[in-house]
Amino acid sequence: MSESTINVADFKAHENDTGSADYQVALLTERILHLTAHLGSHKKDNSSRRGLLKLVSQRRKLLDYVKANSEERYQKLLKGLNLRK
């Protein structure tokens, strides 16, 4: 399974940004891709699967927040992270 790499620094609002929703979504996406690749070869790892579902849910909530506040930022996130919606 090929894992695409994401440059999360592209989503920072400023140099010391660690809390903006855009940056958090990028970090979560990176972790989700890593766990997805892990579960490809470890199909019975149910604790990691549960963690993956929690991360996906958290990312969805953050994306909903961004969409409610700025449609432009939301579209930029979807395109930059190659997400469907």
N, C-alpha and C. Protein backbone atom coordinates (compact mmCIF):
# COMPACT_ATOMS: atom_id res chain seq x y z
N MET A 1 0.85 -1.17 0.00
CA MET A 1 0.00 0.00 0.00
C MET A 1 0.89 1.23 0.00
N SER A 2 0.68 2.13 -0.93
CA SER A 2 1.51 3.33 -0.98
C SER A 2 0.93 4.40 -0.06
N GLU A 3 1.81 4.97 0.71
CA GLU A 3 1.41 6.01 1.67
C GLU A 3 1.85 7.36 1.12
N SER A 4 0.90 8.23 0.85
CA SER A 4 1.27 9.55 0.35
C SER A 4 1.74 10.41 1.51
N THR A 5 2.73 11.22 1.25
CA THR A 5 3.28 12.08 2.30
C THR A 5 2.63 13.45 2.23
N ILE A 6 2.47 14.03 3.40
CA ILE A 6 1.85 15.34 3.52
C ILE A 6 2.86 16.25 4.20
N ASN A 7 3.02 17.44 3.67
CA ASN A 7 3.87 18.43 4.33
C ASN A 7 2.96 19.27 5.23
N VAL A 8 2.89 18.89 6.51
CA VAL A 8 1.98 19.56 7.43
C VAL A 8 2.38 21.01 7.66
N ALA A 9 3.63 21.36 7.43
CA ALA A 9 4.07 22.74 7.63
C ALA A 9 3.36 23.70 6.68
N ASP A 10 2.87 23.20 5.55
CA ASP A 10 2.13 24.04 4.60
C ASP A 10 0.82 24.56 5.18
N PHE A 11 0.32 23.92 6.23
CA PHE A 11 -0.98 24.27 6.78
C PHE A 11 -0.89 25.12 8.04
N LYS A 12 0.33 25.49 8.42
CA LYS A 12 0.51 26.36 9.59
C LYS A 12 0.11 27.79 9.23
N ALA A 13 -0.54 28.46 10.16
CA ALA A 13 -0.92 29.85 9.96
C ALA A 13 0.29 30.76 10.14
N HIS A 14 1.20 30.38 11.03
CA HIS A 14 2.45 31.11 11.28
C HIS A 14 3.48 30.11 11.78
N GLU A 15 4.69 30.56 12.00
CA GLU A 15 5.80 29.66 12.31
C GLU A 15 5.57 28.82 13.56
N ASN A 16 5.03 29.41 14.61
CA ASN A 16 4.84 28.70 15.88
C ASN A 16 3.43 28.13 16.03
N ASP A 17 2.71 27.97 14.94
CA ASP A 17 1.33 27.49 14.98
C ASP A 17 1.29 26.01 15.34
N THR A 18 0.57 25.70 16.42
CA THR A 18 0.36 24.30 16.79
C THR A 18 -1.11 24.01 17.03
N GLY A 19 -1.94 25.03 17.01
CA GLY A 19 -3.33 24.81 17.42
C GLY A 19 -4.39 25.16 16.42
N SER A 20 -4.04 25.73 15.28
CA SER A 20 -5.09 26.09 14.33
C SER A 20 -5.76 24.83 13.81
N ALA A 21 -7.02 24.94 13.48
CA ALA A 21 -7.79 23.79 13.01
C ALA A 21 -7.17 23.21 11.73
N ASP A 22 -6.68 24.06 10.85
CA ASP A 22 -6.07 23.58 9.60
C ASP A 22 -4.87 22.69 9.90
N TYR A 23 -4.01 23.14 10.80
CA TYR A 23 -2.82 22.38 11.15
C TYR A 23 -3.19 21.07 11.85
N GLN A 24 -4.19 21.12 12.73
CA GLN A 24 -4.62 19.91 13.43
C GLN A 24 -5.18 18.89 12.45
N VAL A 25 -5.95 19.34 11.46
CA VAL A 25 -6.49 18.43 10.45
C VAL A 25 -5.36 17.78 9.67
N ALA A 26 -4.33 18.56 9.32
CA ALA A 26 -3.19 18.01 8.59
C ALA A 26 -2.46 16.95 9.42
N LEU A 27 -2.26 17.23 10.71
CA LEU A 27 -1.60 16.26 11.58
C LEU A 27 -2.43 14.98 11.72
N LEU A 28 -3.73 15.15 11.91
CA LEU A 28 -4.61 13.98 12.03
C LEU A 28 -4.59 13.16 10.75
N THR A 29 -4.57 13.82 9.60
CA THR A 29 -4.54 13.12 8.33
C THR A 29 -3.27 12.30 8.19
N GLU A 30 -2.16 12.88 8.63
CA GLU A 30 -0.89 12.15 8.57
C GLU A 30 -0.94 10.90 9.45
N ARG A 31 -1.50 11.03 10.64
CA ARG A 31 -1.62 9.88 11.55
C ARG A 31 -2.59 8.84 11.00
N ILE A 32 -3.67 9.30 10.38
CA ILE A 32 -4.66 8.39 9.80
C ILE A 32 -4.03 7.58 8.66
N LEU A 33 -3.25 8.23 7.82
CA LEU A 33 -2.57 7.51 6.73
C LEU A 33 -1.61 6.46 7.28
N HIS A 34 -0.90 6.82 8.34
CA HIS A 34 0.04 5.87 8.94
C HIS A 34 -0.71 4.66 9.50
N LEU A 35 -1.79 4.89 10.24
CA LEU A 35 -2.56 3.79 10.83
C LEU A 35 -3.23 2.95 9.76
N THR A 36 -3.68 3.57 8.69
CA THR A 36 -4.30 2.82 7.60
C THR A 36 -3.30 1.85 6.98
N ALA A 37 -2.07 2.32 6.78
CA ALA A 37 -1.03 1.44 6.24
C ALA A 37 -0.72 0.31 7.22
N HIS A 38 -0.69 0.62 8.51
CA HIS A 38 -0.43 -0.39 9.53
C HIS A 38 -1.52 -1.46 9.52
N LEU A 39 -2.78 -1.04 9.42
CA LEU A 39 -3.87 -1.99 9.45
C LEU A 39 -3.94 -2.82 8.18
N GLY A 40 -3.30 -2.36 7.11
CA GLY A 40 -3.24 -3.15 5.89
C GLY A 40 -2.49 -4.46 6.09
N SER A 41 -1.48 -4.43 6.96
CA SER A 41 -0.69 -5.64 7.19
C SER A 41 -1.00 -6.30 8.54
N HIS A 42 -1.75 -5.63 9.39
CA HIS A 42 -2.12 -6.18 10.70
C HIS A 42 -3.64 -6.12 10.84
N LYS A 43 -4.32 -6.97 10.13
CA LYS A 43 -5.77 -6.91 10.01
C LYS A 43 -6.51 -7.15 11.32
N LYS A 44 -5.90 -7.87 12.25
CA LYS A 44 -6.60 -8.21 13.49
C LYS A 44 -6.27 -7.27 14.66
N ASP A 45 -5.59 -6.19 14.38
CA ASP A 45 -5.21 -5.22 15.42
C ASP A 45 -6.40 -4.30 15.70
N ASN A 46 -7.31 -4.79 16.54
CA ASN A 46 -8.55 -4.06 16.77
C ASN A 46 -8.36 -2.81 17.60
N SER A 47 -7.38 -2.77 18.47
CA SER A 47 -7.17 -1.56 19.26
C SER A 47 -6.69 -0.41 18.37
N SER A 48 -5.85 -0.72 17.39
CA SER A 48 -5.42 0.32 16.45
C SER A 48 -6.58 0.75 15.55
N ARG A 49 -7.45 -0.20 15.21
CA ARG A 49 -8.62 0.12 14.39
C ARG A 49 -9.54 1.09 15.13
N ARG A 50 -9.70 0.86 16.44
CA ARG A 50 -10.54 1.74 17.25
C ARG A 50 -9.92 3.14 17.31
N GLY A 51 -8.60 3.18 17.48
CA GLY A 51 -7.90 4.47 17.49
C GLY A 51 -8.05 5.19 16.17
N LEU A 52 -7.99 4.45 15.07
CA LEU A 52 -8.17 5.04 13.75
C LEU A 52 -9.56 5.66 13.61
N LEU A 53 -10.58 4.96 14.07
CA LEU A 53 -11.94 5.48 13.99
C LEU A 53 -12.10 6.75 14.83
N LYS A 54 -11.44 6.80 15.99
CA LYS A 54 -11.49 8.00 16.82
C LYS A 54 -10.82 9.18 16.12
N LEU A 55 -9.67 8.91 15.46
CA LEU A 55 -8.97 9.98 14.73
C LEU A 55 -9.81 10.50 13.57
N VAL A 56 -10.45 9.59 12.85
CA VAL A 56 -11.29 9.99 11.71
C VAL A 56 -12.45 10.85 12.20
N SER A 57 -13.05 10.46 13.33
CA SER A 57 -14.15 11.23 13.89
C SER A 57 -13.69 12.63 14.33
N GLN A 58 -12.54 12.69 14.96
CA GLN A 58 -11.99 13.98 15.41
C GLN A 58 -11.70 14.88 14.22
N ARG A 59 -11.13 14.30 13.15
CA ARG A 59 -10.84 15.09 11.95
C ARG A 59 -12.12 15.59 11.31
N ARG A 60 -13.16 14.77 11.29
CA ARG A 60 -14.44 15.17 10.72
C ARG A 60 -15.02 16.37 11.47
N LYS A 61 -14.95 16.33 12.80
CA LYS A 61 -15.46 17.43 13.61
C LYS A 61 -14.69 18.72 13.32
N LEU A 62 -13.37 18.63 13.21
CA LEU A 62 -12.57 19.82 12.91
C LEU A 62 -12.88 20.35 11.51
N LEU A 63 -13.07 19.45 10.55
CA LEU A 63 -13.42 19.88 9.21
C LEU A 63 -14.78 20.57 9.18
N ASP A 64 -15.73 20.06 9.95
CA ASP A 64 -17.04 20.71 10.04
C ASP A 64 -16.91 22.11 10.62
N TYR A 65 -16.04 22.26 11.62
CA TYR A 65 -15.80 23.57 12.23
C TYR A 65 -15.21 24.54 11.20
N VAL A 66 -14.21 24.08 10.46
CA VAL A 66 -13.58 24.95 9.45
C VAL A 66 -14.59 25.33 8.39
N LYS A 67 -15.41 24.39 7.95
CA LYS A 67 -16.41 24.67 6.92
C LYS A 67 -17.43 25.72 7.40
N ALA A 68 -17.81 25.63 8.66
CA ALA A 68 -18.78 26.57 9.21
C ALA A 68 -18.21 27.98 9.29
N ASN A 69 -16.90 28.09 9.47
CA ASN A 69 -16.28 29.41 9.62
C ASN A 69 -15.71 29.98 8.34
N SER A 70 -15.23 29.14 7.44
CA SER A 70 -14.62 29.63 6.22
C SER A 70 -14.65 28.55 5.13
N GLU A 71 -15.55 28.70 4.20
CA GLU A 71 -15.68 27.74 3.10
C GLU A 71 -14.39 27.69 2.27
N GLU A 72 -13.73 28.84 2.14
CA GLU A 72 -12.49 28.92 1.35
C GLU A 72 -11.38 28.06 1.98
N ARG A 73 -11.20 28.20 3.31
CA ARG A 73 -10.20 27.39 4.01
C ARG A 73 -10.54 25.91 3.93
N TYR A 74 -11.82 25.60 4.02
CA TYR A 74 -12.28 24.21 3.95
C TYR A 74 -11.92 23.59 2.60
N GLN A 75 -12.21 24.30 1.53
CA GLN A 75 -11.90 23.78 0.19
C GLN A 75 -10.39 23.63 0.01
N LYS A 76 -9.62 24.57 0.55
CA LYS A 76 -8.16 24.50 0.47
C LYS A 76 -7.64 23.26 1.20
N LEU A 77 -8.23 22.97 2.36
CA LEU A 77 -7.84 21.78 3.13
C LEU A 77 -8.15 20.51 2.36
N LEU A 78 -9.36 20.42 1.82
CA LEU A 78 -9.74 19.22 1.08
C LEU A 78 -8.80 18.97 -0.10
N LYS A 79 -8.51 20.04 -0.82
CA LYS A 79 -7.64 19.91 -1.99
C LYS A 79 -6.20 19.61 -1.57
N GLY A 80 -5.70 20.31 -0.56
CA GLY A 80 -4.31 20.14 -0.13
C GLY A 80 -4.03 18.79 0.50
N LEU A 81 -5.04 18.21 1.15
CA LEU A 81 -4.86 16.91 1.81
C LEU A 81 -5.42 15.76 0.98
N ASN A 82 -5.97 16.10 -0.17
CA ASN A 82 -6.53 15.09 -1.08
C ASN A 82 -7.62 14.27 -0.40
N LEU A 83 -8.56 14.99 0.26
CA LEU A 83 -9.68 14.34 0.95
C LEU A 83 -10.94 14.42 0.10
N ARG A 84 -11.81 13.44 0.27
CA ARG A 84 -13.09 13.47 -0.43
C ARG A 84 -14.14 14.09 0.47
N LYS A 85 -15.10 14.73 -0.16
CA LYS A 85 -16.29 15.19 0.56
C LYS A 85 -17.29 15.71 -0.42
